[in-house]
Amino acid sequence: MRLFKPLMAAAVLATAMTAATSGAYAADAKSSPYGSFSGNVTFTNDYVFRGYSLSNQHPAVQGSLTWEHPSGFFAGVWGSNLSNSGDGLEMDWSAGYAGSMDKFSYSATIVYYTYPWSNASDEYWEGIVQAGYDFGFMSADAGVGYSPKQSNLGHDDATWVYGDVNVPIPMSGDFSPYVFGHLGYQDTAFHTGGYWEWNGGAGFSLMGLDLKLMYVDTDQNTPVSDARFVFTVGKSF
């Protein structure tokens, strides 16, 4: 029963984002100098963040809403239920700039992680810069995240470095299968010397849904960081 409240809140949040996005797209049928909205609703059997399960290996309902301006500036909000504890809701607020030059892409984002149901001061900031390149047969990107000293980080700073590859599998129709891989290193005050996290898997589109299955693991030995399979089903608008 304790998990019911976080799941319901996340479901309501995702539904509200979907409704807002659908309305925005109806109004944005033509290109607008004021920007446009996009959104996503996702169900997953486990909310994993940088190798760690934040839903205590329970299912999660997630939703996002993003506003993008033709100039490249964007802002958005993302939400998910967490574990069946008192801080069972996460909402992340982000803003930044993204651009591209031919096959090269880049972005700079500020993210504010918040936990509305937590009684503690768990909120914290992180800045992330990313660059990617589309080689045609595959795309790759790498990035760095940095969180300055904050109370939620043990009054110490934190750094995250990662790299991703995505390889589409050519097929006719709307099936659009692909395989992907990820490797990251998180250095924080809470993990002596930092830790490695990685995942890999495959995804495809079917009947307007985005489905993904991936294997997730870290070099840490805890119940919430051990190897596992994560399955997600999402719908973008």
C-alpha atoms as a PDB file:
ATOM      1  CA  MET A   1       0.000   0.000   0.000  1.00  0.00           C
ATOM      2  CA  ARG A   2       2.901   2.373   0.680  1.00  0.00           C
ATOM      3  CA  LEU A   3       3.995   2.036  -2.947  1.00  0.00           C
ATOM      4  CA  PHE A   4       0.508   2.925  -4.205  1.00  0.00           C
ATOM      5  CA  LYS A   5       0.798   6.619  -3.378  1.00  0.00           C
ATOM      6  CA  PRO A   6       4.096   7.206  -5.268  1.00  0.00           C
ATOM      7  CA  LEU A   7       2.840   5.232  -8.270  1.00  0.00           C
ATOM      8  CA  MET A   8      -0.422   7.170  -8.383  1.00  0.00           C
ATOM      9  CA  ALA A   9       1.364  10.503  -8.078  1.00  0.00           C
ATOM     10  CA  ALA A  10       3.761   9.629 -10.894  1.00  0.00           C
ATOM     11  CA  ALA A  11       0.866   8.397 -13.046  1.00  0.00           C
ATOM     12  CA  VAL A  12      -1.056  11.634 -12.476  1.00  0.00           C
ATOM     13  CA  LEU A  13       2.078  13.638 -13.273  1.00  0.00           C
ATOM     14  CA  ALA A  14       2.646  11.680 -16.488  1.00  0.00           C
ATOM     15  CA  THR A  15      -1.014  12.090 -17.494  1.00  0.00           C
ATOM     16  CA  ALA A  16      -0.908  15.820 -16.858  1.00  0.00           C
ATOM     17  CA  MET A  17       2.271  16.143 -18.931  1.00  0.00           C
ATOM     18  CA  THR A  18       0.679  14.168 -21.748  1.00  0.00           C
ATOM     19  CA  ALA A  19      -2.415  16.342 -21.748  1.00  0.00           C
ATOM     20  CA  ALA A  20      -0.353  19.510 -21.710  1.00  0.00           C
ATOM     21  CA  THR A  21       1.838  18.237 -24.522  1.00  0.00           C
ATOM     22  CA  SER A  22      -1.114  17.177 -26.688  1.00  0.00           C
ATOM     23  CA  GLY A  23      -2.698  20.588 -26.309  1.00  0.00           C
ATOM     24  CA  ALA A  24       0.548  22.342 -27.098  1.00  0.00           C
ATOM     25  CA  TYR A  25       1.009  20.322 -30.265  1.00  0.00           C
ATOM     26  CA  ALA A  26      -2.528  21.118 -31.402  1.00  0.00           C
ATOM     27  CA  ALA A  27      -1.708  24.791 -31.041  1.00  0.00           C
ATOM     28  CA  ASP A  28       1.733  24.292 -32.604  1.00  0.00           C
ATOM     29  CA  ALA A  29       0.565  22.617 -35.814  1.00  0.00           C
ATOM     30  CA  LYS A  30       2.630  25.194 -37.652  1.00  0.00           C
ATOM     31  CA  SER A  31       6.151  26.275 -36.796  1.00  0.00           C
ATOM     32  CA  SER A  32       6.052  28.897 -34.063  1.00  0.00           C
ATOM     33  CA  PRO A  33       8.684  31.511 -33.187  1.00  0.00           C
ATOM     34  CA  TYR A  34       7.702  30.910 -29.558  1.00  0.00           C
ATOM     35  CA  GLY A  35       8.915  27.322 -29.603  1.00  0.00           C
ATOM     36  CA  SER A  36       7.158  23.987 -29.298  1.00  0.00           C
ATOM     37  CA  PHE A  37       6.506  21.333 -26.679  1.00  0.00           C
ATOM     38  CA  SER A  38       7.279  17.616 -26.637  1.00  0.00           C
ATOM     39  CA  GLY A  39       6.612  14.993 -24.006  1.00  0.00           C
ATOM     40  CA  ASN A  40       7.061  11.381 -23.032  1.00  0.00           C
ATOM     41  CA  VAL A  41       5.355   8.857 -20.755  1.00  0.00           C
ATOM     42  CA  THR A  42       7.325   5.746 -19.736  1.00  0.00           C
ATOM     43  CA  PHE A  43       6.760   2.630 -17.646  1.00  0.00           C
ATOM     44  CA  THR A  44       9.780   0.698 -16.366  1.00  0.00           C
ATOM     45  CA  ASN A  45      10.215  -2.334 -14.150  1.00  0.00           C
ATOM     46  CA  ASP A  46      13.031  -0.536 -12.274  1.00  0.00           C
ATOM     47  CA  TYR A  47      14.106   3.124 -12.128  1.00  0.00           C
ATOM     48  CA  VAL A  48      17.896   2.935 -12.461  1.00  0.00           C
ATOM     49  CA  PHE A  49      19.986   6.106 -12.152  1.00  0.00           C
ATOM     50  CA  ARG A  50      23.675   5.730 -13.016  1.00  0.00           C
ATOM     51  CA  GLY A  51      23.638   2.055 -12.136  1.00  0.00           C
ATOM     52  CA  TYR A  52      21.659   2.343  -8.894  1.00  0.00           C
ATOM     53  CA  SER A  53      18.010   1.434  -8.463  1.00  0.00           C
ATOM     54  CA  LEU A  54      16.197   4.457  -7.053  1.00  0.00           C
ATOM     55  CA  SER A  55      12.857   2.654  -6.959  1.00  0.00           C
ATOM     56  CA  ASN A  56      14.243  -0.125  -4.735  1.00  0.00           C
ATOM     57  CA  GLN A  57      13.850  -2.545  -7.666  1.00  0.00           C
ATOM     58  CA  HIS A  58      10.133  -1.733  -7.984  1.00  0.00           C
ATOM     59  CA  PRO A  59       8.255  -0.508 -11.097  1.00  0.00           C
ATOM     60  CA  ALA A  60       8.145   3.190 -11.886  1.00  0.00           C
ATOM     61  CA  VAL A  61       5.934   5.477 -13.964  1.00  0.00           C
ATOM     62  CA  GLN A  62       7.751   8.448 -15.469  1.00  0.00           C
ATOM     63  CA  GLY A  63       6.812  11.481 -17.530  1.00  0.00           C
ATOM     64  CA  SER A  64       8.461  14.509 -19.101  1.00  0.00           C
ATOM     65  CA  LEU A  65       7.516  17.778 -20.741  1.00  0.00           C
ATOM     66  CA  THR A  66      10.031  19.869 -22.695  1.00  0.00           C
ATOM     67  CA  TRP A  67       9.809  23.276 -24.349  1.00  0.00           C
ATOM     68  CA  GLU A  68      12.241  23.965 -27.195  1.00  0.00           C
ATOM     69  CA  HIS A  69      12.891  27.326 -28.867  1.00  0.00           C
ATOM     70  CA  PRO A  70      14.123  27.586 -32.476  1.00  0.00           C
ATOM     71  CA  SER A  71      17.220  29.379 -31.170  1.00  0.00           C
ATOM     72  CA  GLY A  72      18.308  26.208 -29.346  1.00  0.00           C
ATOM     73  CA  PHE A  73      17.285  27.097 -25.800  1.00  0.00           C
ATOM     74  CA  PHE A  74      15.113  24.600 -23.950  1.00  0.00           C
ATOM     75  CA  ALA A  75      13.536  23.946 -20.558  1.00  0.00           C
ATOM     76  CA  GLY A  76      11.756  20.926 -19.139  1.00  0.00           C
ATOM     77  CA  VAL A  77      10.561  18.890 -16.211  1.00  0.00           C
ATOM     78  CA  TRP A  78      10.843  15.137 -15.628  1.00  0.00           C
ATOM     79  CA  GLY A  79       9.159  13.108 -12.886  1.00  0.00           C
ATOM     80  CA  SER A  80       9.214   9.579 -11.471  1.00  0.00           C
ATOM     81  CA  ASN A  81       8.138   7.683  -8.405  1.00  0.00           C
ATOM     82  CA  LEU A  82      10.981   6.334  -6.272  1.00  0.00           C
ATOM     83  CA  SER A  83      10.978   3.649  -3.585  1.00  0.00           C
ATOM     84  CA  ASN A  84       8.060   3.076  -1.239  1.00  0.00           C
ATOM     85  CA  SER A  85       9.532   5.456   1.335  1.00  0.00           C
ATOM     86  CA  GLY A  86       8.553   8.970   2.319  1.00  0.00           C
ATOM     87  CA  ASP A  87      10.636  10.556  -0.448  1.00  0.00           C
ATOM     88  CA  GLY A  88       8.862   8.529  -3.115  1.00  0.00           C
ATOM     89  CA  LEU A  89       8.643  11.243  -5.790  1.00  0.00           C
ATOM     90  CA  GLU A  90      11.396  12.861  -7.839  1.00  0.00           C
ATOM     91  CA  MET A  91      10.983  15.906 -10.071  1.00  0.00           C
ATOM     92  CA  ASP A  92      13.922  17.200 -12.097  1.00  0.00           C
ATOM     93  CA  TRP A  93      13.862  20.678 -13.593  1.00  0.00           C
ATOM     94  CA  SER A  94      16.246  21.467 -16.435  1.00  0.00           C
ATOM     95  CA  ALA A  95      17.210  24.277 -18.778  1.00  0.00           C
ATOM     96  CA  GLY A  96      19.952  24.711 -21.324  1.00  0.00           C
ATOM     97  CA  TYR A  97      21.063  25.164 -24.892  1.00  0.00           C
ATOM     98  CA  ALA A  98      21.513  22.594 -27.691  1.00  0.00           C
ATOM     99  CA  GLY A  99      22.816  22.962 -31.210  1.00  0.00           C
ATOM    100  CA  SER A 100      24.381  21.132 -34.121  1.00  0.00           C
ATOM    101  CA  MET A 101      26.748  21.658 -37.012  1.00  0.00           C
ATOM    102  CA  ASP A 102      26.275  19.106 -39.771  1.00  0.00           C
ATOM    103  CA  LYS A 103      26.780  15.734 -38.027  1.00  0.00           C
ATOM    104  CA  PHE A 104      28.164  17.232 -34.816  1.00  0.00           C
ATOM    105  CA  SER A 105      25.828  18.016 -31.903  1.00  0.00           C
ATOM    106  CA  TYR A 106      26.361  19.640 -28.518  1.00  0.00           C
ATOM    107  CA  SER A 107      24.437  20.767 -25.465  1.00  0.00           C
ATOM    108  CA  ALA A 108      24.853  22.392 -22.061  1.00  0.00           C
ATOM    109  CA  THR A 109      22.238  21.718 -19.380  1.00  0.00           C
ATOM    110  CA  ILE A 110      21.576  22.714 -15.790  1.00  0.00           C
ATOM    111  CA  VAL A 111      19.492  20.183 -13.823  1.00  0.00           C
ATOM    112  CA  TYR A 112      17.845  20.753 -10.428  1.00  0.00           C
ATOM    113  CA  TYR A 113      16.949  17.442  -8.758  1.00  0.00           C
ATOM    114  CA  THR A 114      14.071  17.764  -6.278  1.00  0.00           C
ATOM    115  CA  TYR A 115      12.189  15.341  -4.023  1.00  0.00           C
ATOM    116  CA  PRO A 116       8.909  17.019  -2.975  1.00  0.00           C
ATOM    117  CA  TRP A 117       7.899  14.361  -0.437  1.00  0.00           C
ATOM    118  CA  SER A 118      11.216  14.216   1.390  1.00  0.00           C
ATOM    119  CA  ASN A 119      11.568  15.902   4.766  1.00  0.00           C
ATOM    120  CA  ALA A 120      15.315  16.272   4.271  1.00  0.00           C
ATOM    121  CA  SER A 121      17.214  18.778   2.146  1.00  0.00           C
ATOM    122  CA  ASP A 122      17.806  16.346  -0.699  1.00  0.00           C
ATOM    123  CA  GLU A 123      17.707  18.806  -3.598  1.00  0.00           C
ATOM    124  CA  TYR A 124      20.889  19.462  -5.560  1.00  0.00           C
ATOM    125  CA  TRP A 125      22.160  21.052  -8.789  1.00  0.00           C
ATOM    126  CA  GLU A 126      24.208  19.551 -11.605  1.00  0.00           C
ATOM    127  CA  GLY A 127      25.631  20.985 -14.818  1.00  0.00           C
ATOM    128  CA  ILE A 128      26.091  18.649 -17.798  1.00  0.00           C
ATOM    129  CA  VAL A 129      27.904  19.325 -21.087  1.00  0.00           C
ATOM    130  CA  GLN A 130      27.623  16.865 -23.974  1.00  0.00           C
ATOM    131  CA  ALA A 131      28.976  16.448 -27.501  1.00  0.00           C
ATOM    132  CA  GLY A 132      28.086  13.851 -30.110  1.00  0.00           C
ATOM    133  CA  TYR A 133      28.745  12.821 -33.689  1.00  0.00           C
ATOM    134  CA  ASP A 134      26.639  10.893 -36.191  1.00  0.00           C
ATOM    135  CA  PHE A 135      28.854   8.572 -38.249  1.00  0.00           C
ATOM    136  CA  GLY A 136      25.938   7.273 -40.301  1.00  0.00           C
ATOM    137  CA  PHE A 137      26.250   3.616 -39.354  1.00  0.00           C
ATOM    138  CA  MET A 138      26.327   4.647 -35.670  1.00  0.00           C
ATOM    139  CA  SER A 139      26.218   7.681 -33.405  1.00  0.00           C
ATOM    140  CA  ALA A 140      28.348   8.359 -30.346  1.00  0.00           C
ATOM    141  CA  ASP A 141      28.370  10.986 -27.652  1.00  0.00           C
ATOM    142  CA  ALA A 142      30.263  11.791 -24.481  1.00  0.00           C
ATOM    143  CA  GLY A 143      29.657  14.161 -21.623  1.00  0.00           C
ATOM    144  CA  VAL A 144      30.655  15.442 -18.215  1.00  0.00           C
ATOM    145  CA  GLY A 145      28.384  16.258 -15.296  1.00  0.00           C
ATOM    146  CA  TYR A 146      29.526  18.375 -12.359  1.00  0.00           C
ATOM    147  CA  SER A 147      27.759  19.120  -9.076  1.00  0.00           C
ATOM    148  CA  PRO A 148      29.312  21.802  -6.853  1.00  0.00           C
ATOM    149  CA  LYS A 149      29.520  21.450  -3.079  1.00  0.00           C
ATOM    150  CA  GLN A 150      26.015  21.141  -1.622  1.00  0.00           C
ATOM    151  CA  SER A 151      24.496  19.840   1.615  1.00  0.00           C
ATOM    152  CA  ASN A 152      22.919  16.844  -0.125  1.00  0.00           C
ATOM    153  CA  LEU A 153      26.335  15.769  -1.438  1.00  0.00           C
ATOM    154  CA  GLY A 154      28.020  15.679   1.975  1.00  0.00           C
ATOM    155  CA  HIS A 155      29.362  19.201   1.415  1.00  0.00           C
ATOM    156  CA  ASP A 156      31.614  17.880  -1.351  1.00  0.00           C
ATOM    157  CA  ASP A 157      31.486  18.191  -5.133  1.00  0.00           C
ATOM    158  CA  ALA A 158      30.785  15.362  -7.572  1.00  0.00           C
ATOM    159  CA  THR A 159      31.763  14.518 -11.146  1.00  0.00           C
ATOM    160  CA  TRP A 160      30.213  12.152 -13.668  1.00  0.00           C
ATOM    161  CA  VAL A 161      31.892  11.223 -16.985  1.00  0.00           C
ATOM    162  CA  TYR A 162      30.162   9.048 -19.571  1.00  0.00           C
ATOM    163  CA  GLY A 163      30.127   7.812 -23.149  1.00  0.00           C
ATOM    164  CA  ASP A 164      27.302   6.333 -25.246  1.00  0.00           C
ATOM    165  CA  VAL A 165      27.055   4.546 -28.601  1.00  0.00           C
ATOM    166  CA  ASN A 166      23.909   3.833 -30.597  1.00  0.00           C
ATOM    167  CA  VAL A 167      23.849   1.586 -33.677  1.00  0.00           C
ATOM    168  CA  PRO A 168      20.660   1.479 -35.793  1.00  0.00           C
ATOM    169  CA  ILE A 169      19.789  -1.779 -37.539  1.00  0.00           C
ATOM    170  CA  PRO A 170      18.594  -1.021 -41.090  1.00  0.00           C
ATOM    171  CA  MET A 171      15.103  -2.371 -41.710  1.00  0.00           C
ATOM    172  CA  SER A 172      12.167  -1.239 -43.792  1.00  0.00           C
ATOM    173  CA  GLY A 173       9.005   0.132 -42.200  1.00  0.00           C
ATOM    174  CA  ASP A 174       8.561   1.770 -38.805  1.00  0.00           C
ATOM    175  CA  PHE A 175      10.169  -1.016 -36.751  1.00  0.00           C
ATOM    176  CA  SER A 176      13.462   0.936 -36.285  1.00  0.00           C
ATOM    177  CA  PRO A 177      15.501  -1.485 -34.121  1.00  0.00           C
ATOM    178  CA  TYR A 178      18.839  -0.456 -32.624  1.00  0.00           C
ATOM    179  CA  VAL A 179      21.487  -1.603 -30.150  1.00  0.00           C
ATOM    180  CA  PHE A 180      23.266   0.641 -27.665  1.00  0.00           C
ATOM    181  CA  GLY A 181      25.957   0.741 -25.018  1.00  0.00           C
ATOM    182  CA  HIS A 182      26.873   3.075 -22.160  1.00  0.00           C
ATOM    183  CA  LEU A 183      29.851   3.445 -19.816  1.00  0.00           C
ATOM    184  CA  GLY A 184      30.091   5.981 -17.005  1.00  0.00           C
ATOM    185  CA  TYR A 185      32.219   6.840 -13.986  1.00  0.00           C
ATOM    186  CA  GLN A 186      30.673   8.598 -10.991  1.00  0.00           C
ATOM    187  CA  ASP A 187      33.009  10.212  -8.466  1.00  0.00           C
ATOM    188  CA  THR A 188      31.210  11.366  -5.316  1.00  0.00           C
ATOM    189  CA  ALA A 189      31.790  11.788  -1.608  1.00  0.00           C
ATOM    190  CA  PHE A 190      29.515   8.805  -0.946  1.00  0.00           C
ATOM    191  CA  HIS A 191      31.486   6.252  -3.026  1.00  0.00           C
ATOM    192  CA  THR A 192      35.134   6.064  -2.008  1.00  0.00           C
ATOM    193  CA  GLY A 193      37.206   6.483  -5.125  1.00  0.00           C
ATOM    194  CA  GLY A 194      34.069   6.605  -7.251  1.00  0.00           C
ATOM    195  CA  TYR A 195      32.451   3.745  -9.142  1.00  0.00           C
ATOM    196  CA  TRP A 196      31.940   2.495 -12.698  1.00  0.00           C
ATOM    197  CA  GLU A 197      28.484   1.915 -14.167  1.00  0.00           C
ATOM    198  CA  TRP A 198      27.527   0.503 -17.547  1.00  0.00           C
ATOM    199  CA  ASN A 199      24.633  -0.836 -19.548  1.00  0.00           C
ATOM    200  CA  GLY A 200      23.825  -2.218 -22.962  1.00  0.00           C
ATOM    201  CA  GLY A 201      20.854  -3.548 -24.809  1.00  0.00           C
ATOM    202  CA  ALA A 202      18.453  -3.141 -27.697  1.00  0.00           C
ATOM    203  CA  GLY A 203      15.328  -1.191 -28.504  1.00  0.00           C
ATOM    204  CA  PHE A 204      12.746  -0.781 -31.214  1.00  0.00           C
ATOM    205  CA  SER A 205       9.541   1.040 -32.109  1.00  0.00           C
ATOM    206  CA  LEU A 206       6.235  -0.798 -32.447  1.00  0.00           C
ATOM    207  CA  MET A 207       2.730   0.624 -32.935  1.00  0.00           C
ATOM    208  CA  GLY A 208       3.877   4.052 -31.790  1.00  0.00           C
ATOM    209  CA  LEU A 209       5.574   2.703 -28.659  1.00  0.00           C
ATOM    210  CA  ASP A 210       9.283   2.771 -27.819  1.00  0.00           C
ATOM    211  CA  LEU A 211      10.433  -0.487 -26.191  1.00  0.00           C
ATOM    212  CA  LYS A 212      13.857  -1.100 -24.679  1.00  0.00           C
ATOM    213  CA  LEU A 213      15.559  -3.955 -22.861  1.00  0.00           C
ATOM    214  CA  MET A 214      18.950  -3.413 -21.283  1.00  0.00           C
ATOM    215  CA  TYR A 215      21.427  -5.091 -18.953  1.00  0.00           C
ATOM    216  CA  VAL A 216      22.625  -2.772 -16.172  1.00  0.00           C
ATOM    217  CA  ASP A 217      25.555  -3.260 -13.790  1.00  0.00           C
ATOM    218  CA  THR A 218      28.177  -1.487 -11.653  1.00  0.00           C
ATOM    219  CA  ASP A 219      31.397  -2.433  -9.901  1.00  0.00           C
ATOM    220  CA  GLN A 220      29.597  -1.997  -6.565  1.00  0.00           C
ATOM    221  CA  ASN A 221      28.227  -4.900  -4.542  1.00  0.00           C
ATOM    222  CA  THR A 222      24.931  -3.763  -3.028  1.00  0.00           C
ATOM    223  CA  PRO A 223      21.352  -4.994  -3.565  1.00  0.00           C
ATOM    224  CA  VAL A 224      20.440  -1.827  -5.489  1.00  0.00           C
ATOM    225  CA  SER A 225      23.582  -1.729  -7.675  1.00  0.00           C
ATOM    226  CA  ASP A 226      23.927  -5.376  -8.685  1.00  0.00           C
ATOM    227  CA  ALA A 227      23.405  -6.580 -12.254  1.00  0.00           C
ATOM    228  CA  ARG A 228      19.815  -6.626 -13.524  1.00  0.00           C
ATOM    229  CA  PHE A 229      17.663  -6.426 -16.629  1.00  0.00           C
ATOM    230  CA  VAL A 230      15.579  -3.292 -17.088  1.00  0.00           C
ATOM    231  CA  PHE A 231      12.614  -3.118 -19.454  1.00  0.00           C
ATOM    232  CA  THR A 232      10.905   0.128 -20.479  1.00  0.00           C
ATOM    233  CA  VAL A 233       7.883   0.993 -22.601  1.00  0.00           C
ATOM    234  CA  GLY A 234       7.468   4.629 -23.607  1.00  0.00           C
ATOM    235  CA  LYS A 235       5.274   6.862 -25.714  1.00  0.00           C
ATOM    236  CA  SER A 236       6.492  10.174 -27.120  1.00  0.00           C
ATOM    237  CA  PHE A 237       4.253  13.074 -28.162  1.00  0.00           C
END
